[in-house]
Structure formats: C-alpha cells, structure tokens
Amino acid sequence: MLLFVLLGRLALILAVSFPCFAQQADYSQLYRPQYHFSPLRNWTNDPNGLVYFEGEYHLFFQYNPFGDEWGHMSWGHAVSRDLLHWQELPVAIPESDGVMIYTGSTVVDGQNTSGLCTNGPCMVAIYTGQNPKRDSQPGFETQNLAYSNDRGRTWTKYSGNPVLNLNMTDFRDPKVFWSKQAGTWVMVVALPNEHKVLIYHSPDLKHWTKKSEFGPAGATGGQWECPELFELPVEGKRDTRWVLKIGVNPGALQGGSGEQYFIGRFDGVRFTNDNSPATTLWTDYGKDCYCALTFNNLPREQKPVMIGWMNNWQYAAKLPTSPWRGQMTIPRQLSLRQTREGIRLFQKPLEQLESLLEEESGRDPGHSFVLAFSLHAKAGHEVGLKLLSDASYSTEIGYDPAKKVLFVDRTHSGLTNFSKDFPARVEAPLNAEGASISVRVLVDRLSVEVFADDGRVVVTNLVFPPPHANSFESLGGKVPAVIEPVHSIH
C-alpha cells in the first residue's frame, strides 16, 4: 500500500511538472483535431477559468493527469496569443488531499482587492472543491481560491479556503467578474438540484454575501451547472442585455447534457428575465456542446468569445479516441440581435480562423475543412449535403421544408456503436419562409459544427468517420458548395 501511494505521488509530480512526460501528441492520430484544442493525452471535460492577461489567452480545463477517464480532477492549462495556436502547460491546480478541483473561473485582480498580488495585478482562480466522503460525513462542495503572481505559471491555494461553504453536496461552478454597476466582485454559482443560480457579492474575493437568486425557469429536467452571466450590446440599438447561460444535465434538448440561456437585465444585484419562465432557449441544437464559458478581462475592443466542451455526458467516457479523450469547440464570437421572437443570441466562428483557410477547387479536402453552401427552402423535399461520405457512411446536413427544421444526421456517420445514445438525427427550428439559407460548417476530423441563419442556429456534433470517407454528394438536389481546407495549427 505504501509503495502504491508513493508511486501515485510520483505520477502526480510528473503530471504537474511535465504534462508531455510520457508522450508528445501525434497529430496524425486517428480523429485527432487539427484546429480545435485537445490535450496531448488523458481526459478533459469543462473549460475553466477562461481569461486574457498580458497578451495571453488562458484556457484552463477539467483534467485527469492519470488517465483517459474522469477522475482526480485538476485544472489543466494551455495558453495562446490568437485563440487558435495553443501551448499546453503543466497542470495549474492539482487535486490534493482527496479534494478534486472542479469547474470555476479566473479573474485579473488589477487593484489587489484580494491582497494576494505581490507585484502589480495577479490572477485569481475561484473554483469548486469537491470534498470526498469521510467516515460518516457525506461529500460536499465549496468555493475556493488559488492565485498566481507569475502569469499563471505557478499557483498557490489560498490558506483561508474555503471562502464559501453552504455544507451542501451539490453547490458548484462559480463564474466571477467585476461589476461596474455594483462596484464589487459578482459570483454566479449553481444549486444544481434546486435549479437555481445564486448571486453573491464580494469586495475582496474572500468574503461573499448572497444578494439574490434566479430560478427555477426554462429547462429543469436535470441538474443546473456551469452558470455564466455576461453583457452584450443589442446590434442596431443603443441598448444592452445580459445573457444568463446554464448547463442542463441530463434532460437537455437532444438528450444528455446541453445548455440553455436567458435574456434579461442585470442591475448588479438581480437578474430579471425578459421572457416568461416557461420560455426555453438553447445555445446549441446539437448533442455535443456543454459548459461553454466566456473569457474574462478581454481587451475593450474585442468581441466576447466563448468556448465549450465538445462532448455529451451520455457517452463521454466511451469516445473511441486515444491517448486523449475530450476536446473543445471552436472559439465563438457572440452578439445579440432583435428577431421576431425577441432578442436572441448569435454565434460565429472566431474571425482569426480565416487565416488558416486555403482555396480548394477539388472535392477531397481531407477531414479538416470549412464548408459554405446555401439551401433553398422552397424545395418540396429535403435538400442538403452528405459529407465525410463513402459508399456506406456519411453525415447529412440539410433542411426539411415540411417541418421547417435544419437537421444534422449522424446515424450512418461511421463508428457509432460505442453508445446507444450516439446515433442521432438532431433538428433545429429554422423558418426560412421561402428564402435561401446560408450554412457554414466547420469539420475537424471528429467534429461537425454547423452555423445557420447567420449564427442564430448552431449545431455541434461529434462524428467518427472511417479514414477513407472524405467525399461529398448532394442530398435531394444540387447544392453548390465552397470547400476550404484548414491548415493544421500544429
């Protein structure tokens, strides 16, 4: 037993200090994403602590340093200067004493309100600590701090942890930001089983006071997780709204995990929903986008950017990838627009992605490309494209004018039998009223991200096609398409 413990501690030291200790990533690996972030090896789920600081974008993520299944949750870490080319760094905040490091956020404490900064602004992470069962005491979740004074390269857990403890088994995923309205730090954090989001204030990140709560509302078929609250201008208007985004697992639109959002106003203390409590809005109509978070501390001129975990808890542990398991969505730029139904969230792929594209006149761009085409809604039958196709397999993207839905069908996309919940045809409402529908698709070996209606409708799905399935054909009529292969970022 002692030898086992010592070996475990040695493995943790190696994983924290040298994440590439055993093996460098090989980007010729089957299904390895070429322009989406994935860790070199091992398990990842939720993105954590997204923040911009001193010229670098920091992506932290739920990570198991010891294997490709969930467990020993710690914060992995990668940095980028353009949100596309990522350098994976050593584990930032490791599990210790049996307390796992769950999802949270990172802020830049520019005025040293926390007293934790030693030489100018520092980075402070606010995360959920998962305390295990001990003897007769049940497990419980608390909110904690860690801080870095060297641009996120090393982290120290705050000696006064936890900073918020309700003695509850499920109480997690704090998103923290500075509120100009309230002149204080604001935390939104989930009570998963109560389908509520609590809102707290703090002057120093250490002492928190509850101010309000939101919910239940919208979808309540599963636990609420990964809350996110941010402000956006409404395009074409001299007005703003706030978006409160909440993960639902299980019980999401397409089964398993997914995310809903609410549009409303936030006065620094309370979020007020613009819509009725029964109105449910979904950030993504696919099966594979969860716990998406926005970056804190972005430059003033930069549009808000969100990244999500490209997976679903129904089958996340069964994905046929190795030596890693889990990856992130493309970074997405966010905006709000007035529609006939009300103000709605729009998403577009990161503009910097254009720098990786190259023109392609042929029909064989491999398995990593961007595809643009138009669908004519007047057609009397389903119209669309089959991609990643051969004689036996394909992923279908199209429009059904009878049902007025955009659909993505992966039931015959390739390897699907690792989970009964994986084969699926998902649909998104899209009332085109006889117009042409512009569709942009990002394909990256194991993923298909569809952006339609200028980003109002987004569908994110994983696929596992065979290596030779790389052709295209029309589905129900001729569909001209522009195909642009993507240079590998590695």
Protein backbone atom coordinates (compact mmCIF):
# COMPACT_ATOMS: atom_id res chain seq x y z
CA MET A 1 0.00 0.00 0.00
CA LEU A 2 2.83 2.42 0.87
CA LEU A 3 4.52 1.70 -2.46
CA PHE A 4 1.23 2.39 -4.26
CA VAL A 5 0.84 5.74 -2.51
CA LEU A 6 4.44 6.76 -3.29
CA LEU A 7 4.05 5.80 -6.94
CA GLY A 8 0.82 7.78 -7.10
CA ARG A 9 2.53 10.86 -5.68
CA LEU A 10 5.42 10.48 -8.12
CA ALA A 11 2.95 10.24 -11.02
CA LEU A 12 1.24 13.42 -9.83
CA ILE A 13 4.57 15.28 -9.64
CA LEU A 14 5.44 14.20 -13.18
CA ALA A 15 1.99 15.07 -14.50
CA VAL A 16 2.01 18.51 -12.88
CA SER A 17 5.57 19.36 -13.89
CA PHE A 18 5.83 17.60 -17.24
CA PRO A 19 2.45 17.08 -18.95
CA CYS A 20 4.24 15.65 -22.00
CA PHE A 21 6.43 13.38 -19.85
CA ALA A 22 5.30 10.10 -21.38
CA GLN A 23 4.40 11.08 -24.92
CA GLN A 24 4.15 14.02 -27.28
CA ALA A 25 0.94 14.40 -29.25
CA ASP A 26 0.93 12.88 -32.72
CA TYR A 27 -1.46 14.87 -34.91
CA SER A 28 -1.66 12.04 -37.42
CA GLN A 29 -3.56 10.07 -34.77
CA LEU A 30 -6.97 8.86 -35.90
CA TYR A 31 -9.60 11.51 -35.01
CA ARG A 32 -7.06 13.96 -33.51
CA PRO A 33 -8.50 17.50 -34.07
CA GLN A 34 -6.28 19.72 -36.21
CA TYR A 35 -7.60 23.19 -35.37
CA HIS A 36 -9.53 22.64 -32.14
CA PHE A 37 -7.88 22.35 -28.76
CA SER A 38 -7.41 18.88 -27.31
CA PRO A 39 -4.92 17.89 -24.57
CA LEU A 40 -1.87 15.90 -25.56
CA ARG A 41 -3.17 12.97 -23.59
CA ASN A 42 -5.71 11.95 -20.92
CA TRP A 43 -9.22 13.04 -20.03
CA THR A 44 -10.65 16.55 -20.26
CA ASN A 45 -14.12 17.98 -19.79
CA ASP A 46 -15.32 21.51 -18.91
CA PRO A 47 -13.28 24.56 -19.89
CA ASN A 48 -12.39 26.53 -16.76
CA GLY A 49 -11.06 29.95 -15.84
CA LEU A 50 -11.01 31.49 -19.33
CA VAL A 51 -9.13 34.78 -19.03
CA TYR A 52 -6.94 37.16 -21.01
CA PHE A 53 -3.86 38.55 -19.26
CA GLU A 54 -0.77 40.34 -20.55
CA GLY A 55 -1.11 39.25 -24.17
CA GLU A 56 -2.13 35.65 -23.50
CA TYR A 57 -5.44 33.83 -23.56
CA HIS A 58 -5.56 31.25 -20.79
CA LEU A 59 -7.63 28.09 -21.21
CA PHE A 60 -7.87 26.00 -18.06
CA PHE A 61 -9.83 22.78 -18.25
CA GLN A 62 -11.03 19.87 -16.17
CA TYR A 63 -8.25 17.32 -16.45
CA ASN A 64 -7.24 13.90 -15.15
CA PRO A 65 -3.41 13.74 -15.02
CA PHE A 66 -3.51 9.94 -14.63
CA GLY A 67 -5.71 8.60 -17.40
CA ASP A 68 -8.34 8.99 -20.11
CA GLU A 69 -11.38 8.54 -17.85
CA TRP A 70 -12.95 11.02 -15.47
CA GLY A 71 -11.27 11.22 -12.06
CA HIS A 72 -8.62 13.04 -9.99
CA MET A 73 -10.00 16.27 -11.37
CA SER A 74 -7.42 19.06 -11.62
CA TRP A 75 -7.06 22.18 -13.74
CA GLY A 76 -5.12 21.57 -16.94
CA HIS A 77 -3.71 24.67 -18.61
CA ALA A 78 -2.96 25.98 -22.08
CA VAL A 79 -2.12 29.46 -23.39
CA SER A 80 -2.48 31.14 -26.77
CA ARG A 81 -1.87 34.51 -28.38
CA ASP A 82 -4.54 34.10 -31.07
CA LEU A 83 -7.10 31.60 -29.65
CA LEU A 84 -6.07 29.03 -32.28
CA HIS A 85 -2.47 28.01 -31.58
CA TRP A 86 -2.35 26.60 -28.05
CA GLN A 87 0.65 25.68 -25.93
CA GLU A 88 -0.17 23.15 -23.23
CA LEU A 89 1.47 23.95 -19.89
CA PRO A 90 1.89 21.92 -16.68
CA VAL A 91 -1.18 21.22 -14.57
CA ALA A 92 -2.14 24.51 -12.91
CA ILE A 93 -4.18 23.49 -9.86
CA PRO A 94 -3.89 19.81 -8.90
CA GLU A 95 -6.12 17.63 -6.77
CA SER A 96 -4.68 17.30 -3.26
CA ASP A 97 -5.71 15.53 -0.05
CA GLY A 98 -8.56 13.93 -1.95
CA VAL A 99 -10.15 17.31 -2.79
CA MET A 100 -10.78 17.48 -6.51
CA ILE A 101 -10.67 20.79 -8.38
CA TYR A 102 -13.98 21.30 -10.15
CA THR A 103 -15.12 23.97 -12.58
CA GLY A 104 -14.66 27.68 -11.89
CA SER A 105 -13.39 30.97 -13.28
CA THR A 106 -10.33 33.22 -13.20
CA VAL A 107 -10.17 36.99 -12.78
CA VAL A 108 -7.42 39.56 -13.02
CA ASP A 109 -7.23 41.41 -9.71
CA GLY A 110 -5.95 44.71 -11.06
CA GLN A 111 -6.33 46.67 -7.82
CA ASN A 112 -5.18 43.89 -5.48
CA THR A 113 -8.55 43.81 -3.74
CA SER A 114 -7.69 40.30 -2.56
CA GLY A 115 -4.35 41.22 -1.02
CA LEU A 116 -2.88 38.22 -2.84
CA CYS A 117 -0.95 40.16 -5.52
CA THR A 118 2.71 40.87 -4.78
CA ASN A 119 3.85 42.87 -7.82
CA GLY A 120 1.02 44.53 -9.72
CA PRO A 121 -2.10 42.74 -10.99
CA CYS A 122 -2.34 39.00 -10.39
CA MET A 123 -4.60 36.17 -11.49
CA VAL A 124 -7.05 34.69 -9.00
CA ALA A 125 -8.93 31.47 -9.70
CA ILE A 126 -12.25 30.78 -8.00
CA TYR A 127 -13.12 27.08 -8.20
CA THR A 128 -15.30 24.42 -6.62
CA GLY A 129 -13.55 21.98 -4.30
CA GLN A 130 -15.12 18.54 -4.26
CA ASN A 131 -14.57 17.19 -0.77
CA PRO A 132 -14.92 13.39 -0.65
CA LYS A 133 -16.92 11.32 1.80
CA ARG A 134 -15.01 10.69 5.00
CA ASP A 135 -16.28 8.11 7.50
CA SER A 136 -19.88 9.12 8.26
CA GLN A 137 -19.54 12.59 6.71
CA PRO A 138 -21.03 12.91 3.20
CA GLY A 139 -19.13 14.60 0.42
CA PHE A 140 -19.70 18.32 -0.09
CA GLU A 141 -18.74 21.14 -2.44
CA THR A 142 -17.21 24.51 -1.52
CA GLN A 143 -15.86 27.56 -3.33
CA ASN A 144 -12.12 28.22 -3.06
CA LEU A 145 -9.32 30.48 -4.28
CA ALA A 146 -5.91 29.95 -5.85
CA TYR A 147 -3.66 32.73 -7.11
CA SER A 148 -0.70 33.29 -9.40
CA ASN A 149 1.82 36.12 -9.48
CA ASP A 150 3.79 34.83 -12.47
CA ARG A 151 1.32 34.99 -15.38
CA GLY A 152 -0.35 31.72 -14.45
CA ARG A 153 2.76 29.55 -14.50
CA THR A 154 2.54 28.56 -10.85
CA TRP A 155 -0.43 28.63 -8.48
CA THR A 156 -0.89 28.76 -4.72
CA LYS A 157 -4.06 27.67 -2.97
CA TYR A 158 -5.35 30.31 -0.56
CA SER A 159 -4.67 29.33 3.06
CA GLY A 160 -8.12 30.52 4.13
CA ASN A 161 -10.04 28.14 1.84
CA PRO A 162 -12.91 27.59 1.53
CA VAL A 163 -14.20 31.12 1.00
CA LEU A 164 -17.83 29.99 0.60
CA ASN A 165 -19.33 26.88 2.18
CA LEU A 166 -23.04 26.05 2.42
CA ASN A 167 -22.34 22.48 3.61
CA MET A 168 -24.15 21.16 0.55
CA THR A 169 -23.37 18.09 -1.52
CA ASP A 170 -24.13 19.94 -4.79
CA PHE A 171 -23.09 23.62 -4.93
CA ARG A 172 -20.70 24.40 -7.76
CA ASP A 173 -19.20 26.11 -10.79
CA PRO A 174 -18.66 29.76 -9.79
CA LYS A 175 -18.34 32.38 -12.53
CA VAL A 176 -16.86 35.60 -11.09
CA PHE A 177 -16.48 39.02 -12.71
CA TRP A 178 -16.17 42.66 -11.68
CA SER A 179 -19.47 44.58 -11.80
CA LYS A 180 -19.22 48.27 -12.60
CA GLN A 181 -22.86 48.74 -11.59
CA ALA A 182 -22.32 47.33 -8.12
CA GLY A 183 -18.65 48.32 -7.74
CA THR A 184 -17.79 44.87 -6.46
CA TRP A 185 -16.96 41.32 -7.48
CA VAL A 186 -20.01 39.26 -8.51
CA MET A 187 -20.30 35.48 -8.39
CA VAL A 188 -22.98 33.38 -10.07
CA VAL A 189 -22.95 29.81 -8.78
CA ALA A 190 -25.32 26.86 -9.21
CA LEU A 191 -27.53 24.94 -6.84
CA PRO A 192 -27.89 22.02 -9.28
CA ASN A 193 -30.77 20.10 -7.69
CA GLU A 194 -32.82 23.17 -6.84
CA HIS A 195 -32.49 24.53 -10.41
CA LYS A 196 -31.28 27.85 -9.08
CA VAL A 197 -28.41 30.24 -9.65
CA LEU A 198 -27.26 32.23 -6.62
CA ILE A 199 -25.71 35.68 -6.97
CA TYR A 200 -23.10 36.83 -4.44
CA HIS A 201 -21.04 40.00 -3.89
CA SER A 202 -17.53 40.35 -2.50
CA PRO A 203 -15.17 43.33 -2.06
CA ASP A 204 -12.06 41.14 -1.92
CA LEU A 205 -12.84 37.69 -3.42
CA LYS A 206 -12.55 36.22 0.08
CA HIS A 207 -15.78 37.26 1.81
CA TRP A 208 -19.05 36.64 -0.02
CA THR A 209 -22.59 37.87 0.70
CA LYS A 210 -25.66 36.45 -1.00
CA LYS A 211 -27.70 39.09 -2.85
CA SER A 212 -30.28 37.27 -4.96
CA GLU A 213 -31.21 34.08 -6.77
CA PHE A 214 -32.71 33.08 -10.10
CA GLY A 215 -34.84 30.05 -10.97
CA PRO A 216 -36.33 27.61 -11.45
CA ALA A 217 -37.14 28.55 -15.06
CA GLY A 218 -36.75 27.13 -18.55
CA ALA A 219 -35.47 23.56 -18.72
CA THR A 220 -35.39 21.77 -15.36
CA GLY A 221 -35.16 18.13 -16.45
CA GLY A 222 -31.67 17.69 -14.99
CA GLN A 223 -29.13 19.36 -12.74
CA TRP A 224 -28.17 23.00 -13.39
CA GLU A 225 -24.43 23.51 -13.84
CA CYS A 226 -21.82 25.89 -15.27
CA PRO A 227 -23.71 29.20 -14.95
CA GLU A 228 -22.39 32.16 -16.91
CA LEU A 229 -23.55 35.81 -16.86
CA PHE A 230 -22.34 38.44 -19.33
CA GLU A 231 -23.49 41.65 -21.01
CA LEU A 232 -23.77 42.26 -24.77
CA PRO A 233 -24.92 45.20 -26.88
CA VAL A 234 -28.04 44.64 -28.98
CA GLU A 235 -26.95 45.17 -32.57
CA GLY A 236 -28.51 48.22 -34.20
CA LYS A 237 -29.76 49.59 -30.91
CA ARG A 238 -28.37 51.84 -28.20
CA ASP A 239 -29.14 49.23 -25.61
CA THR A 240 -27.66 46.15 -23.97
CA ARG A 241 -28.96 42.94 -22.45
CA TRP A 242 -27.45 40.31 -20.16
CA VAL A 243 -27.20 36.63 -21.03
CA LEU A 244 -27.53 34.07 -18.24
CA LYS A 245 -26.37 30.72 -19.62
CA ILE A 246 -26.94 27.50 -17.66
CA GLY A 247 -25.94 23.90 -18.34
CA VAL A 248 -28.56 21.15 -18.00
CA ASN A 249 -27.53 17.54 -17.40
CA PRO A 250 -29.31 15.29 -18.12
CA GLY A 251 -32.58 16.47 -19.68
CA ALA A 252 -31.20 18.70 -22.44
CA LEU A 253 -32.95 19.18 -25.76
CA GLN A 254 -31.21 16.31 -27.58
CA GLY A 255 -30.79 14.08 -24.54
CA GLY A 256 -27.99 14.07 -22.00
CA SER A 257 -26.18 17.37 -21.49
CA GLY A 258 -26.81 20.71 -23.19
CA GLU A 259 -27.19 24.38 -22.40
CA GLN A 260 -29.98 26.91 -22.20
CA TYR A 261 -29.83 30.68 -21.93
CA PHE A 262 -31.98 33.51 -20.66
CA ILE A 263 -32.05 37.09 -21.96
CA GLY A 264 -32.66 39.82 -19.42
CA ARG A 265 -31.35 42.72 -17.37
CA PHE A 266 -28.87 42.75 -14.51
CA ASP A 267 -28.59 45.72 -12.16
CA GLY A 268 -25.54 44.39 -10.35
CA VAL A 269 -27.69 42.57 -7.80
CA ARG A 270 -30.55 40.76 -9.52
CA PHE A 271 -31.10 39.19 -12.95
CA THR A 272 -34.56 39.80 -14.44
CA ASN A 273 -35.70 37.54 -17.27
CA ASP A 274 -37.16 39.27 -20.35
CA ASN A 275 -39.18 36.18 -21.25
CA SER A 276 -41.69 34.04 -19.41
CA PRO A 277 -40.29 31.39 -17.03
CA ALA A 278 -41.55 28.69 -19.41
CA THR A 279 -39.54 30.01 -22.38
CA THR A 280 -36.55 27.78 -23.12
CA LEU A 281 -33.77 28.99 -25.40
CA TRP A 282 -30.88 26.69 -26.37
CA THR A 283 -27.34 27.82 -27.11
CA ASP A 284 -26.71 24.80 -29.34
CA TYR A 285 -29.10 22.36 -31.00
CA GLY A 286 -26.55 19.56 -31.31
CA LYS A 287 -25.61 16.91 -28.79
CA ASP A 288 -22.03 17.97 -28.15
CA CYS A 289 -21.56 21.41 -26.65
CA TYR A 290 -21.54 21.76 -22.87
CA CYS A 291 -20.28 24.07 -20.12
CA ALA A 292 -19.38 26.86 -22.54
CA LEU A 293 -17.76 29.86 -20.84
CA THR A 294 -16.64 33.34 -21.89
CA PHE A 295 -13.25 34.96 -21.37
CA ASN A 296 -12.80 37.47 -18.57
CA ASN A 297 -10.67 40.61 -18.99
CA LEU A 298 -10.75 40.75 -22.80
CA PRO A 299 -9.34 43.90 -24.42
CA ARG A 300 -12.02 46.59 -24.68
CA GLU A 301 -12.18 46.43 -28.48
CA GLN A 302 -12.57 42.62 -28.65
CA LYS A 303 -15.92 40.95 -29.06
CA PRO A 304 -16.94 38.46 -26.35
CA VAL A 305 -15.63 34.95 -27.03
CA MET A 306 -17.00 31.63 -25.73
CA ILE A 307 -15.53 28.11 -25.74
CA GLY A 308 -17.38 24.92 -24.77
CA TRP A 309 -16.60 21.26 -24.13
CA MET A 310 -17.40 19.30 -27.29
CA ASN A 311 -18.99 16.24 -25.73
CA ASN A 312 -22.03 14.79 -24.00
CA TRP A 313 -22.11 13.07 -20.61
CA GLN A 314 -24.20 10.27 -22.13
CA TYR A 315 -21.12 8.78 -23.78
CA ALA A 316 -18.12 10.96 -22.89
CA ALA A 317 -16.27 8.07 -21.24
CA LYS A 318 -16.70 5.87 -24.33
CA LEU A 319 -15.31 8.08 -27.09
CA PRO A 320 -13.01 5.99 -29.34
CA THR A 321 -10.02 8.37 -29.15
CA SER A 322 -6.54 7.74 -27.78
CA PRO A 323 -4.34 8.76 -25.99
CA TRP A 324 -6.69 11.66 -25.16
CA ARG A 325 -10.41 11.85 -24.56
CA GLY A 326 -12.19 15.19 -24.88
CA GLN A 327 -11.75 18.43 -26.85
CA MET A 328 -13.09 21.99 -27.07
CA THR A 329 -15.36 23.74 -29.58
CA ILE A 330 -14.04 26.42 -31.88
CA PRO A 331 -13.91 29.77 -30.03
CA ARG A 332 -17.12 31.61 -30.89
CA GLN A 333 -17.80 35.34 -31.11
CA LEU A 334 -21.10 36.37 -29.55
CA SER A 335 -23.70 39.02 -30.30
CA LEU A 336 -27.36 39.84 -29.60
CA ARG A 337 -29.93 40.76 -32.24
CA GLN A 338 -33.59 41.63 -32.28
CA THR A 339 -35.66 38.94 -34.00
CA ARG A 340 -39.39 38.44 -34.44
CA GLU A 341 -39.39 36.21 -31.38
CA GLY A 342 -37.39 38.66 -29.26
CA ILE A 343 -33.73 39.33 -28.59
CA ARG A 344 -31.66 36.24 -29.33
CA LEU A 345 -28.04 35.08 -29.07
CA PHE A 346 -25.97 34.75 -32.27
CA GLN A 347 -22.66 32.90 -32.55
CA LYS A 348 -19.96 32.94 -35.22
CA PRO A 349 -16.66 31.08 -35.51
CA LEU A 350 -13.64 33.07 -34.46
CA GLU A 351 -12.64 35.52 -37.20
CA GLN A 352 -8.98 34.50 -36.91
CA LEU A 353 -9.94 31.11 -38.35
CA GLU A 354 -9.89 32.70 -41.81
CA SER A 355 -6.09 32.87 -41.62
CA LEU A 356 -5.94 29.06 -41.65
CA LEU A 357 -8.07 28.57 -44.75
CA GLU A 358 -6.82 27.87 -48.26
CA GLU A 359 -8.74 27.73 -51.52
CA GLU A 360 -9.61 24.29 -52.82
CA SER A 361 -11.21 23.53 -56.16
CA GLY A 362 -11.26 19.76 -55.74
CA ARG A 363 -13.62 17.57 -53.75
CA ASP A 364 -11.12 15.90 -51.42
CA PRO A 365 -10.01 18.34 -48.69
CA GLY A 366 -9.37 15.55 -46.21
CA HIS A 367 -11.15 15.61 -42.86
CA SER A 368 -10.42 19.18 -41.69
CA PHE A 369 -12.09 21.97 -43.64
CA VAL A 370 -14.66 24.74 -43.66
CA LEU A 371 -17.67 24.31 -45.91
CA ALA A 372 -20.11 27.02 -47.05
CA PHE A 373 -23.29 26.42 -49.03
CA SER A 374 -26.87 27.63 -49.46
CA LEU A 375 -30.09 25.65 -49.11
CA HIS A 376 -33.25 26.66 -50.93
CA ALA A 377 -36.22 26.48 -48.62
CA LYS A 378 -38.75 26.38 -51.49
CA ALA A 379 -37.74 22.84 -52.34
CA GLY A 380 -40.58 20.36 -51.89
CA HIS A 381 -38.30 17.81 -50.30
CA GLU A 382 -35.30 17.63 -48.02
CA VAL A 383 -32.29 19.34 -49.52
CA GLY A 384 -28.71 19.36 -48.30
CA LEU A 385 -25.33 17.65 -48.43
CA LYS A 386 -23.75 14.38 -47.47
CA LEU A 387 -20.21 14.91 -46.24
CA LEU A 388 -17.43 12.70 -44.89
CA SER A 389 -19.01 10.23 -47.24
CA ASP A 390 -18.23 6.94 -48.97
CA ALA A 391 -20.39 4.09 -50.26
CA SER A 392 -21.50 3.12 -46.76
CA TYR A 393 -21.13 6.14 -44.48
CA SER A 394 -21.96 9.83 -44.43
CA THR A 395 -23.03 12.72 -42.23
CA GLU A 396 -26.07 14.54 -43.59
CA ILE A 397 -26.79 18.26 -43.19
CA GLY A 398 -29.97 19.64 -44.68
CA TYR A 399 -33.26 21.48 -44.48
CA ASP A 400 -36.71 19.91 -44.23
CA PRO A 401 -39.21 22.44 -45.63
CA ALA A 402 -42.22 20.47 -44.38
CA LYS A 403 -41.09 20.62 -40.77
CA LYS A 404 -39.12 23.87 -41.21
CA VAL A 405 -36.07 22.47 -39.47
CA LEU A 406 -32.36 22.29 -40.12
CA PHE A 407 -31.13 18.76 -39.44
CA VAL A 408 -27.82 17.00 -38.90
CA ASP A 409 -27.95 13.22 -39.18
CA ARG A 410 -25.03 11.14 -37.92
CA THR A 411 -26.82 7.80 -37.66
CA HIS A 412 -24.65 6.46 -40.51
CA SER A 413 -21.61 8.68 -39.97
CA GLY A 414 -19.14 5.89 -39.20
CA LEU A 415 -18.31 4.44 -35.81
CA THR A 416 -21.47 4.86 -33.71
CA ASN A 417 -21.97 1.61 -31.79
CA PHE A 418 -19.90 2.54 -28.73
CA SER A 419 -23.09 4.00 -27.18
CA LYS A 420 -26.80 3.59 -27.86
CA ASP A 421 -27.17 7.35 -27.32
CA PHE A 422 -24.69 8.33 -30.03
CA PRO A 423 -26.53 7.63 -33.33
CA ALA A 424 -28.92 10.54 -33.77
CA ARG A 425 -30.62 12.92 -36.14
CA VAL A 426 -30.92 16.31 -34.43
CA GLU A 427 -33.16 19.13 -35.60
CA ALA A 428 -33.25 22.89 -35.07
CA PRO A 429 -36.20 25.18 -35.86
CA LEU A 430 -35.43 27.33 -38.90
CA ASN A 431 -38.36 29.12 -40.52
CA ALA A 432 -36.79 30.34 -43.75
CA GLU A 433 -40.12 31.38 -45.39
CA GLY A 434 -39.00 30.52 -48.89
CA ALA A 435 -35.62 32.23 -48.66
CA SER A 436 -32.20 30.82 -49.26
CA ILE A 437 -30.50 29.51 -46.13
CA SER A 438 -26.77 30.16 -45.78
CA VAL A 439 -24.92 27.47 -43.90
CA ARG A 440 -21.30 27.35 -42.74
CA VAL A 441 -19.84 24.09 -41.45
CA LEU A 442 -16.58 23.53 -39.59
CA VAL A 443 -15.32 19.97 -39.91
CA ASP A 444 -12.28 18.80 -37.98
CA ARG A 445 -11.83 15.03 -38.19
CA LEU A 446 -14.16 14.07 -35.35
CA SER A 447 -16.43 17.11 -35.23
CA VAL A 448 -19.06 18.93 -37.29
CA GLU A 449 -20.10 22.44 -36.19
CA VAL A 450 -22.96 23.95 -38.20
CA PHE A 451 -23.75 27.69 -38.18
CA ALA A 452 -27.00 28.68 -39.91
CA ASP A 453 -29.18 31.79 -40.12
CA ASP A 454 -26.04 33.89 -39.61
CA GLY A 455 -25.31 32.13 -36.34
CA ARG A 456 -28.71 32.16 -34.67
CA VAL A 457 -28.85 28.38 -35.07
CA VAL A 458 -25.76 26.35 -34.11
CA VAL A 459 -25.49 22.55 -34.16
CA THR A 460 -22.39 20.83 -32.73
CA ASN A 461 -21.96 17.08 -33.18
CA LEU A 462 -19.10 14.62 -32.88
CA VAL A 463 -18.62 12.07 -35.68
CA PHE A 464 -16.17 9.22 -36.21
CA PRO A 465 -15.95 8.53 -39.96
CA PRO A 466 -13.62 5.92 -41.44
CA PRO A 467 -10.36 7.35 -42.82
CA HIS A 468 -11.38 6.98 -46.47
CA ALA A 469 -14.81 8.68 -46.07
CA ASN A 470 -13.94 12.11 -47.45
CA SER A 471 -16.19 12.80 -50.43
CA PHE A 472 -19.34 14.91 -50.88
CA GLU A 473 -22.65 14.47 -52.59
CA SER A 474 -25.92 16.35 -52.72
CA LEU A 475 -28.93 15.25 -50.77
CA GLY A 476 -32.14 15.88 -52.71
CA GLY A 477 -30.90 18.25 -55.40
CA LYS A 478 -27.79 20.09 -56.49
CA VAL A 479 -26.18 22.13 -53.71
CA PRO A 480 -23.15 24.19 -54.79
CA ALA A 481 -20.56 24.37 -52.03
CA VAL A 482 -17.32 26.19 -51.34
CA ILE A 483 -14.78 23.97 -49.59
CA GLU A 484 -11.78 25.47 -47.84
CA PRO A 485 -9.26 23.09 -46.23
CA VAL A 486 -7.81 24.23 -42.94
CA HIS A 487 -4.08 24.24 -42.36
CA SER A 488 -3.16 22.23 -39.30
CA ILE A 489 -2.20 24.58 -36.47
CA HIS A 490 0.46 22.14 -35.24
